[in-house]
Amino acid sequence: MHVETSPHYGPLLHSPWWWAFAVGLVIIGVAGLAAIIVGGIKNWLNRRRLTTLGGQRRIATRRLDNAEADWKAGRLNSDELYSHVSATLRRFVGLAEDDDADFRSVEWLRERATTDDRFVEIADIVSDCVAGRFGGGTTADPRDVVARARQVVATWL
């Protein structure tokens, strides 16, 4: 142990524990940096996984399943179910096609269906959802609408 003297305070002792404290701070810093790097890599990988068609398909299917389960449990009424189905289907198609289908009208979807046959069923489902949601009346059963939306999501290429 090294002893220094001070004209004002007498002998000063330097404890060897400050080395342990300094090493501990370095270890904590390295661990924190490693956690940030690993978290960033996981986030990047997760983002890549979710931006694939398969990832978007899983998200849309889970949202449709959750909306149907909430409707069956009475947490959503039919209007809200139609709204969830329409929003989920439009969002999925918008991401899958890299356009803004989730912000477009039924008329736009029908117009798009003239050049892309995949949009025919989407326009029909969204039309049923709009009619059911806004009181125009729809003959489509909510379970059927969810099943048709699920089928579109599952078969989209």
N, C-alpha and C. Protein backbone atom coordinates (compact mmCIF):
# COMPACT_ATOMS: atom_id res chain seq x y z
N MET A 1 0.85 -1.16 0.00
CA MET A 1 0.00 0.00 0.00
C MET A 1 0.90 1.22 0.00
N HIS A 2 0.56 2.18 -0.83
CA HIS A 2 1.35 3.39 -0.96
C HIS A 2 0.78 4.46 -0.03
N VAL A 3 1.65 5.13 0.66
CA VAL A 3 1.23 6.16 1.60
C VAL A 3 1.81 7.48 1.14
N GLU A 4 0.95 8.47 1.00
CA GLU A 4 1.41 9.81 0.67
C GLU A 4 1.13 10.70 1.88
N THR A 5 1.89 11.71 1.96
CA THR A 5 1.64 12.65 3.05
C THR A 5 1.19 13.97 2.48
N SER A 6 0.37 14.64 3.25
CA SER A 6 -0.13 15.93 2.87
C SER A 6 0.19 16.90 3.99
N PRO A 7 0.62 18.10 3.63
CA PRO A 7 0.93 19.06 4.69
C PRO A 7 -0.32 19.48 5.47
N HIS A 8 -1.47 19.28 4.91
CA HIS A 8 -2.70 19.73 5.57
C HIS A 8 -3.45 18.62 6.27
N TYR A 9 -3.43 17.40 5.73
CA TYR A 9 -4.29 16.34 6.25
C TYR A 9 -3.55 15.14 6.80
N GLY A 10 -2.34 15.09 6.74
CA GLY A 10 -1.61 13.93 7.24
C GLY A 10 -1.53 12.84 6.17
N PRO A 11 -1.18 11.63 6.58
CA PRO A 11 -1.03 10.55 5.60
C PRO A 11 -2.36 10.21 4.89
N LEU A 12 -2.30 10.00 3.55
CA LEU A 12 -3.47 9.59 2.75
C LEU A 12 -3.24 8.17 2.26
N LEU A 13 -4.20 7.31 2.49
CA LEU A 13 -4.10 5.93 2.06
C LEU A 13 -4.89 5.74 0.77
N HIS A 14 -4.29 5.07 -0.19
CA HIS A 14 -4.98 4.73 -1.44
C HIS A 14 -5.40 3.28 -1.36
N SER A 15 -6.68 3.07 -1.30
CA SER A 15 -7.21 1.73 -1.17
C SER A 15 -7.10 0.98 -2.50
N PRO A 16 -6.80 -0.31 -2.44
CA PRO A 16 -6.76 -1.08 -3.68
C PRO A 16 -8.16 -1.33 -4.26
N TRP A 17 -9.20 -0.99 -3.54
CA TRP A 17 -10.55 -1.22 -4.02
C TRP A 17 -10.94 -0.29 -5.18
N TRP A 18 -10.25 0.80 -5.36
CA TRP A 18 -10.61 1.67 -6.47
C TRP A 18 -10.33 0.98 -7.80
N TRP A 19 -9.36 0.06 -7.82
CA TRP A 19 -9.11 -0.72 -9.04
C TRP A 19 -10.32 -1.61 -9.34
N ALA A 20 -10.85 -2.24 -8.31
CA ALA A 20 -12.02 -3.11 -8.49
C ALA A 20 -13.22 -2.27 -8.97
N PHE A 21 -13.37 -1.09 -8.44
CA PHE A 21 -14.44 -0.19 -8.85
C PHE A 21 -14.27 0.20 -10.31
N ALA A 22 -13.05 0.57 -10.72
CA ALA A 22 -12.78 0.97 -12.10
C ALA A 22 -13.02 -0.20 -13.05
N VAL A 23 -12.56 -1.38 -12.69
CA VAL A 23 -12.77 -2.56 -13.53
C VAL A 23 -14.27 -2.87 -13.63
N GLY A 24 -14.98 -2.73 -12.52
CA GLY A 24 -16.43 -2.95 -12.53
C GLY A 24 -17.14 -1.99 -13.46
N LEU A 25 -16.74 -0.72 -13.45
CA LEU A 25 -17.34 0.26 -14.36
C LEU A 25 -17.06 -0.10 -15.81
N VAL A 26 -15.86 -0.55 -16.11
CA VAL A 26 -15.52 -0.94 -17.47
C VAL A 26 -16.37 -2.14 -17.90
N ILE A 27 -16.52 -3.12 -17.02
CA ILE A 27 -17.33 -4.30 -17.33
C ILE A 27 -18.78 -3.90 -17.58
N ILE A 28 -19.31 -3.03 -16.74
CA ILE A 28 -20.69 -2.57 -16.92
C ILE A 28 -20.83 -1.82 -18.25
N GLY A 29 -19.85 -0.99 -18.58
CA GLY A 29 -19.89 -0.26 -19.85
C GLY A 29 -19.84 -1.19 -21.05
N VAL A 30 -18.96 -2.18 -21.00
CA VAL A 30 -18.86 -3.13 -22.11
C VAL A 30 -20.14 -3.94 -22.23
N ALA A 31 -20.70 -4.38 -21.11
CA ALA A 31 -21.95 -5.15 -21.13
C ALA A 31 -23.09 -4.30 -21.69
N GLY A 32 -23.14 -3.04 -21.30
CA GLY A 32 -24.18 -2.15 -21.82
C GLY A 32 -24.04 -1.94 -23.32
N LEU A 33 -22.84 -1.74 -23.77
CA LEU A 33 -22.59 -1.57 -25.20
C LEU A 33 -22.95 -2.84 -25.97
N ALA A 34 -22.60 -3.98 -25.42
CA ALA A 34 -22.94 -5.26 -26.05
C ALA A 34 -24.46 -5.42 -26.13
N ALA A 35 -25.16 -5.04 -25.07
CA ALA A 35 -26.62 -5.15 -25.06
C ALA A 35 -27.23 -4.25 -26.14
N ILE A 36 -26.69 -3.06 -26.30
CA ILE A 36 -27.20 -2.14 -27.32
C ILE A 36 -26.95 -2.71 -28.71
N ILE A 37 -25.76 -3.25 -28.93
CA ILE A 37 -25.43 -3.82 -30.24
C ILE A 37 -26.30 -5.03 -30.54
N VAL A 38 -26.44 -5.93 -29.58
CA VAL A 38 -27.27 -7.12 -29.78
C VAL A 38 -28.73 -6.73 -30.00
N GLY A 39 -29.22 -5.76 -29.23
CA GLY A 39 -30.59 -5.29 -29.41
C GLY A 39 -30.80 -4.68 -30.79
N GLY A 40 -29.81 -3.94 -31.27
CA GLY A 40 -29.90 -3.35 -32.61
C GLY A 40 -29.93 -4.41 -33.69
N ILE A 41 -29.11 -5.44 -33.53
CA ILE A 41 -29.08 -6.52 -34.51
C ILE A 41 -30.41 -7.27 -34.51
N LYS A 42 -30.94 -7.55 -33.31
CA LYS A 42 -32.24 -8.24 -33.23
C LYS A 42 -33.34 -7.39 -33.86
N ASN A 43 -33.31 -6.09 -33.60
CA ASN A 43 -34.31 -5.20 -34.17
C ASN A 43 -34.21 -5.20 -35.69
N TRP A 44 -33.00 -5.16 -36.21
CA TRP A 44 -32.80 -5.16 -37.65
C TRP A 44 -33.31 -6.46 -38.26
N LEU A 45 -32.98 -7.59 -37.63
CA LEU A 45 -33.44 -8.88 -38.14
C LEU A 45 -34.96 -8.98 -38.06
N ASN A 46 -35.54 -8.50 -36.95
CA ASN A 46 -37.00 -8.53 -36.79
C ASN A 46 -37.67 -7.66 -37.85
N ARG A 47 -37.11 -6.50 -38.11
CA ARG A 47 -37.67 -5.61 -39.11
C ARG A 47 -37.61 -6.25 -40.49
N ARG A 48 -36.51 -6.92 -40.80
CA ARG A 48 -36.40 -7.60 -42.09
C ARG A 48 -37.42 -8.72 -42.20
N ARG A 49 -37.62 -9.44 -41.10
CA ARG A 49 -38.57 -10.55 -41.11
C ARG A 49 -39.99 -10.04 -41.30
N LEU A 50 -40.31 -8.91 -40.67
CA LEU A 50 -41.67 -8.38 -40.75
C LEU A 50 -41.97 -7.71 -42.08
N THR A 51 -40.94 -7.30 -42.81
CA THR A 51 -41.19 -6.64 -44.09
C THR A 51 -41.31 -7.63 -45.23
N THR A 52 -41.13 -8.90 -44.97
CA THR A 52 -41.35 -9.90 -46.01
C THR A 52 -42.84 -10.17 -46.14
N LEU A 53 -43.22 -10.75 -47.25
CA LEU A 53 -44.64 -11.07 -47.46
C LEU A 53 -45.12 -12.06 -46.40
N GLY A 54 -44.27 -13.05 -46.07
CA GLY A 54 -44.65 -14.02 -45.04
C GLY A 54 -44.87 -13.36 -43.69
N GLY A 55 -44.01 -12.40 -43.35
CA GLY A 55 -44.16 -11.69 -42.09
C GLY A 55 -45.44 -10.88 -42.05
N GLN A 56 -45.74 -10.19 -43.15
CA GLN A 56 -46.97 -9.41 -43.21
C GLN A 56 -48.19 -10.32 -43.21
N ARG A 57 -48.06 -11.48 -43.83
CA ARG A 57 -49.16 -12.45 -43.83
C ARG A 57 -49.46 -12.92 -42.41
N ARG A 58 -48.41 -13.20 -41.63
CA ARG A 58 -48.60 -13.63 -40.24
C ARG A 58 -49.26 -12.52 -39.41
N ILE A 59 -48.82 -11.30 -39.61
CA ILE A 59 -49.40 -10.18 -38.86
C ILE A 59 -50.88 -10.00 -39.21
N ALA A 60 -51.19 -10.02 -40.50
CA ALA A 60 -52.58 -9.83 -40.92
C ALA A 60 -53.47 -10.98 -40.42
N THR A 61 -52.97 -12.19 -40.52
CA THR A 61 -53.74 -13.34 -40.04
C THR A 61 -53.99 -13.24 -38.54
N ARG A 62 -52.97 -12.85 -37.79
CA ARG A 62 -53.13 -12.70 -36.34
C ARG A 62 -54.14 -11.60 -36.02
N ARG A 63 -54.11 -10.50 -36.76
CA ARG A 63 -55.08 -9.42 -36.52
C ARG A 63 -56.51 -9.86 -36.84
N LEU A 64 -56.66 -10.61 -37.93
CA LEU A 64 -57.99 -11.12 -38.27
C LEU A 64 -58.48 -12.11 -37.21
N ASP A 65 -57.59 -12.99 -36.77
CA ASP A 65 -57.95 -13.95 -35.72
C ASP A 65 -58.34 -13.24 -34.43
N ASN A 66 -57.57 -12.22 -34.04
CA ASN A 66 -57.87 -11.47 -32.82
C ASN A 66 -59.19 -10.73 -32.93
N ALA A 67 -59.45 -10.13 -34.09
CA ALA A 67 -60.72 -9.41 -34.27
C ALA A 67 -61.89 -10.37 -34.19
N GLU A 68 -61.76 -11.53 -34.83
CA GLU A 68 -62.85 -12.51 -34.78
C GLU A 68 -63.06 -13.03 -33.36
N ALA A 69 -61.98 -13.30 -32.65
CA ALA A 69 -62.08 -13.77 -31.27
C ALA A 69 -62.74 -12.71 -30.38
N ASP A 70 -62.37 -11.46 -30.57
CA ASP A 70 -62.98 -10.37 -29.79
C ASP A 70 -64.46 -10.23 -30.12
N TRP A 71 -64.81 -10.41 -31.38
CA TRP A 71 -66.22 -10.34 -31.78
C TRP A 71 -67.01 -11.48 -31.14
N LYS A 72 -66.46 -12.68 -31.19
CA LYS A 72 -67.14 -13.84 -30.60
C LYS A 72 -67.28 -13.69 -29.09
N ALA A 73 -66.29 -13.03 -28.46
CA ALA A 73 -66.33 -12.85 -27.00
C ALA A 73 -67.20 -11.65 -26.60
N GLY A 74 -67.70 -10.92 -27.59
CA GLY A 74 -68.56 -9.77 -27.29
C GLY A 74 -67.81 -8.47 -27.02
N ARG A 75 -66.51 -8.47 -27.21
CA ARG A 75 -65.74 -7.24 -27.00
C ARG A 75 -65.82 -6.30 -28.19
N LEU A 76 -66.23 -6.83 -29.34
CA LEU A 76 -66.46 -6.02 -30.54
C LEU A 76 -67.87 -6.31 -31.05
N ASN A 77 -68.52 -5.27 -31.55
CA ASN A 77 -69.80 -5.53 -32.22
C ASN A 77 -69.50 -5.76 -33.71
N SER A 78 -70.52 -6.06 -34.49
CA SER A 78 -70.32 -6.38 -35.91
C SER A 78 -69.72 -5.21 -36.68
N ASP A 79 -70.16 -3.99 -36.36
CA ASP A 79 -69.61 -2.82 -37.04
C ASP A 79 -68.10 -2.72 -36.83
N GLU A 80 -67.69 -2.92 -35.60
CA GLU A 80 -66.26 -2.84 -35.29
C GLU A 80 -65.48 -3.98 -35.94
N LEU A 81 -66.09 -5.15 -36.01
CA LEU A 81 -65.43 -6.28 -36.68
C LEU A 81 -65.23 -5.96 -38.16
N TYR A 82 -66.27 -5.44 -38.81
CA TYR A 82 -66.13 -5.07 -40.21
C TYR A 82 -65.03 -4.03 -40.40
N SER A 83 -64.96 -3.08 -39.49
CA SER A 83 -63.92 -2.06 -39.57
C SER A 83 -62.52 -2.66 -39.44
N HIS A 84 -62.35 -3.59 -38.49
CA HIS A 84 -61.06 -4.25 -38.32
C HIS A 84 -60.67 -5.08 -39.54
N VAL A 85 -61.64 -5.81 -40.08
CA VAL A 85 -61.35 -6.65 -41.26
C VAL A 85 -60.95 -5.79 -42.44
N SER A 86 -61.71 -4.73 -42.69
CA SER A 86 -61.41 -3.83 -43.80
C SER A 86 -60.03 -3.20 -43.64
N ALA A 87 -59.73 -2.67 -42.47
CA ALA A 87 -58.44 -2.03 -42.23
C ALA A 87 -57.29 -3.02 -42.35
N THR A 88 -57.47 -4.20 -41.80
CA THR A 88 -56.40 -5.21 -41.86
C THR A 88 -56.14 -5.65 -43.29
N LEU A 89 -57.20 -5.91 -44.03
CA LEU A 89 -57.04 -6.36 -45.41
C LEU A 89 -56.42 -5.27 -46.28
N ARG A 90 -56.89 -4.05 -46.13
CA ARG A 90 -56.31 -2.94 -46.91
C ARG A 90 -54.84 -2.73 -46.56
N ARG A 91 -54.53 -2.80 -45.28
CA ARG A 91 -53.14 -2.61 -44.85
C ARG A 91 -52.23 -3.70 -45.41
N PHE A 92 -52.70 -4.94 -45.34
CA PHE A 92 -51.92 -6.05 -45.87
C PHE A 92 -51.65 -5.86 -47.37
N VAL A 93 -52.69 -5.54 -48.12
CA VAL A 93 -52.54 -5.36 -49.56
C VAL A 93 -51.65 -4.15 -49.86
N GLY A 94 -51.82 -3.09 -49.10
CA GLY A 94 -50.96 -1.93 -49.30
C GLY A 94 -49.50 -2.24 -49.09
N LEU A 95 -49.18 -3.01 -48.05
CA LEU A 95 -47.79 -3.38 -47.79
C LEU A 95 -47.30 -4.42 -48.80
N ALA A 96 -48.14 -5.38 -49.14
CA ALA A 96 -47.73 -6.43 -50.08
C ALA A 96 -47.48 -5.86 -51.48
N GLU A 97 -48.24 -4.86 -51.86
CA GLU A 97 -48.10 -4.27 -53.19
C GLU A 97 -47.27 -2.99 -53.18
N ASP A 98 -46.83 -2.57 -51.99
CA ASP A 98 -46.04 -1.35 -51.85
C ASP A 98 -46.76 -0.14 -52.45
N ASP A 99 -48.04 -0.03 -52.11
CA ASP A 99 -48.81 1.15 -52.50
C ASP A 99 -49.68 1.58 -51.34
N ASP A 100 -50.60 2.46 -51.57
CA ASP A 100 -51.41 3.00 -50.48
C ASP A 100 -52.85 2.49 -50.53
N ALA A 101 -53.01 1.20 -50.77
CA ALA A 101 -54.35 0.61 -50.83
C ALA A 101 -55.11 0.78 -49.52
N ASP A 102 -54.39 0.91 -48.41
CA ASP A 102 -55.07 1.05 -47.13
C ASP A 102 -55.74 2.41 -46.97
N PHE A 103 -55.47 3.33 -47.89
CA PHE A 103 -56.10 4.66 -47.83
C PHE A 103 -57.06 4.89 -48.98
N ARG A 104 -57.31 3.88 -49.78
CA ARG A 104 -58.12 4.04 -50.98
C ARG A 104 -59.57 3.61 -50.76
N SER A 105 -60.43 4.08 -51.66
CA SER A 105 -61.86 3.79 -51.57
C SER A 105 -62.18 2.46 -52.24
N VAL A 106 -63.41 2.03 -52.03
CA VAL A 106 -63.87 0.80 -52.68
C VAL A 106 -63.86 0.99 -54.20
N GLU A 107 -64.22 2.19 -54.65
CA GLU A 107 -64.23 2.46 -56.09
C GLU A 107 -62.82 2.31 -56.68
N TRP A 108 -61.81 2.79 -55.96
CA TRP A 108 -60.43 2.64 -56.43
C TRP A 108 -60.05 1.17 -56.49
N LEU A 109 -60.46 0.41 -55.46
CA LEU A 109 -60.16 -1.02 -55.46
C LEU A 109 -60.84 -1.72 -56.64
N ARG A 110 -62.09 -1.33 -56.94
CA ARG A 110 -62.79 -1.93 -58.09
C ARG A 110 -62.10 -1.54 -59.40
N GLU A 111 -61.64 -0.30 -59.48
CA GLU A 111 -60.92 0.13 -60.69
C GLU A 111 -59.62 -0.64 -60.83
N ARG A 112 -58.93 -0.84 -59.74
CA ARG A 112 -57.68 -1.61 -59.77
C ARG A 112 -57.95 -3.06 -60.16
N ALA A 113 -59.14 -3.56 -59.81
CA ALA A 113 -59.50 -4.94 -60.14
C ALA A 113 -59.63 -5.15 -61.65
N THR A 114 -59.82 -4.07 -62.41
CA THR A 114 -59.91 -4.23 -63.87
C THR A 114 -58.55 -4.58 -64.47
N THR A 115 -57.48 -4.26 -63.79
CA THR A 115 -56.14 -4.58 -64.30
C THR A 115 -55.45 -5.68 -63.50
N ASP A 116 -55.97 -5.98 -62.30
CA ASP A 116 -55.37 -7.00 -61.45
C ASP A 116 -56.49 -7.80 -60.80
N ASP A 117 -56.65 -9.04 -61.26
CA ASP A 117 -57.78 -9.87 -60.79
C ASP A 117 -57.77 -10.12 -59.29
N ARG A 118 -56.62 -10.01 -58.65
CA ARG A 118 -56.56 -10.26 -57.21
C ARG A 118 -57.39 -9.24 -56.43
N PHE A 119 -57.61 -8.08 -57.01
CA PHE A 119 -58.33 -7.01 -56.31
C PHE A 119 -59.84 -7.18 -56.37
N VAL A 120 -60.35 -8.11 -57.18
CA VAL A 120 -61.80 -8.32 -57.27
C VAL A 120 -62.35 -8.75 -55.91
N GLU A 121 -61.75 -9.78 -55.32
CA GLU A 121 -62.22 -10.28 -54.02
C GLU A 121 -61.99 -9.24 -52.92
N ILE A 122 -60.89 -8.51 -53.00
CA ILE A 122 -60.62 -7.48 -51.99
C ILE A 122 -61.69 -6.40 -52.05
N ALA A 123 -62.02 -5.96 -53.27
CA ALA A 123 -63.05 -4.93 -53.42
C ALA A 123 -64.39 -5.45 -52.89
N ASP A 124 -64.70 -6.72 -53.15
CA ASP A 124 -65.97 -7.29 -52.66
C ASP A 124 -65.99 -7.35 -51.13
N ILE A 125 -64.90 -7.78 -50.53
CA ILE A 125 -64.84 -7.88 -49.06
C ILE A 125 -64.94 -6.49 -48.43
N VAL A 126 -64.16 -5.54 -48.95
CA VAL A 126 -64.19 -4.19 -48.39
C VAL A 126 -65.57 -3.56 -48.60
N SER A 127 -66.19 -3.83 -49.74
CA SER A 127 -67.55 -3.32 -49.99
C SER A 127 -68.54 -3.88 -48.96
N ASP A 128 -68.44 -5.18 -48.67
CA ASP A 128 -69.29 -5.78 -47.65
C ASP A 128 -69.02 -5.15 -46.28
N CYS A 129 -67.76 -4.90 -46.00
CA CYS A 129 -67.40 -4.29 -44.70
C CYS A 129 -67.95 -2.88 -44.59
N VAL A 130 -67.84 -2.11 -45.67
CA VAL A 130 -68.36 -0.73 -45.65
C VAL A 130 -69.87 -0.75 -45.50
N ALA A 131 -70.54 -1.63 -46.22
CA ALA A 131 -72.00 -1.73 -46.12
C ALA A 131 -72.42 -2.16 -44.72
N GLY A 132 -71.71 -3.10 -44.14
CA GLY A 132 -72.04 -3.56 -42.79
C GLY A 132 -71.71 -2.51 -41.74
N ARG A 133 -70.66 -1.78 -41.97
CA ARG A 133 -70.19 -0.80 -40.98
C ARG A 133 -71.06 0.45 -40.97
N PHE A 134 -71.46 0.93 -42.13
CA PHE A 134 -72.14 2.21 -42.20
C PHE A 134 -73.63 2.11 -42.47
N GLY A 135 -74.19 0.96 -42.14
CA GLY A 135 -75.65 0.84 -42.16
C GLY A 135 -76.26 0.63 -43.52
N GLY A 136 -75.45 0.44 -44.56
CA GLY A 136 -76.00 0.18 -45.87
C GLY A 136 -76.57 -1.22 -45.96
N GLY A 137 -76.26 -1.99 -44.95
CA GLY A 137 -76.75 -3.37 -44.90
C GLY A 137 -75.90 -4.28 -45.77
N THR A 138 -75.60 -5.39 -45.24
CA THR A 138 -74.87 -6.40 -45.98
C THR A 138 -75.48 -7.75 -45.66
N THR A 139 -75.49 -8.58 -46.67
CA THR A 139 -76.02 -9.93 -46.45
C THR A 139 -74.90 -10.87 -46.03
N ALA A 140 -73.68 -10.36 -46.01
CA ALA A 140 -72.53 -11.20 -45.66
C ALA A 140 -72.47 -11.41 -44.15
N ASP A 141 -72.32 -12.66 -43.78
CA ASP A 141 -72.15 -13.03 -42.39
C ASP A 141 -70.75 -12.59 -41.95
N PRO A 142 -70.61 -11.99 -40.76
CA PRO A 142 -69.28 -11.57 -40.31
C PRO A 142 -68.24 -12.69 -40.33
N ARG A 143 -68.65 -13.90 -39.96
CA ARG A 143 -67.71 -15.03 -40.00
C ARG A 143 -67.24 -15.30 -41.43
N ASP A 144 -68.15 -15.16 -42.39
CA ASP A 144 -67.82 -15.37 -43.80
C ASP A 144 -66.85 -14.29 -44.29
N VAL A 145 -67.10 -13.05 -43.88
CA VAL A 145 -66.21 -11.95 -44.29
C VAL A 145 -64.80 -12.18 -43.76
N VAL A 146 -64.69 -12.59 -42.50
CA VAL A 146 -63.37 -12.87 -41.91
C VAL A 146 -62.71 -14.04 -42.64
N ALA A 147 -63.47 -15.08 -42.94
CA ALA A 147 -62.91 -16.24 -43.63
C ALA A 147 -62.43 -15.86 -45.03
N ARG A 148 -63.20 -15.05 -45.74
CA ARG A 148 -62.78 -14.61 -47.08
C ARG A 148 -61.54 -13.74 -47.00
N ALA A 149 -61.47 -12.86 -46.01
CA ALA A 149 -60.29 -12.01 -45.84
C ALA A 149 -59.07 -12.87 -45.51
N ARG A 150 -59.26 -13.85 -44.65
CA ARG A 150 -58.17 -14.75 -44.28
C ARG A 150 -57.66 -15.51 -45.51
N GLN A 151 -58.59 -15.92 -46.38
CA GLN A 151 -58.22 -16.64 -47.60
C GLN A 151 -57.42 -15.76 -48.54
N VAL A 152 -57.82 -14.49 -48.69
CA VAL A 152 -57.07 -13.56 -49.54
C VAL A 152 -55.64 -13.40 -49.00
N VAL A 153 -55.51 -13.22 -47.71
CA VAL A 153 -54.20 -13.04 -47.11
C VAL A 153 -53.35 -14.29 -47.32
N ALA A 154 -53.95 -15.46 -47.13
CA ALA A 154 -53.21 -16.71 -47.22
C ALA A 154 -52.73 -17.02 -48.65
N THR A 155 -53.47 -16.56 -49.65
CA THR A 155 -53.15 -16.93 -51.03
C THR A 155 -52.52 -15.80 -51.84
N TRP A 156 -52.28 -14.67 -51.19
CA TRP A 156 -51.72 -13.52 -51.93
C TRP A 156 -50.30 -13.82 -52.39
N LEU A 157 -50.02 -13.56 -53.66
CA LEU A 157 -48.67 -13.74 -54.21
C LEU A 157 -48.12 -12.43 -54.71
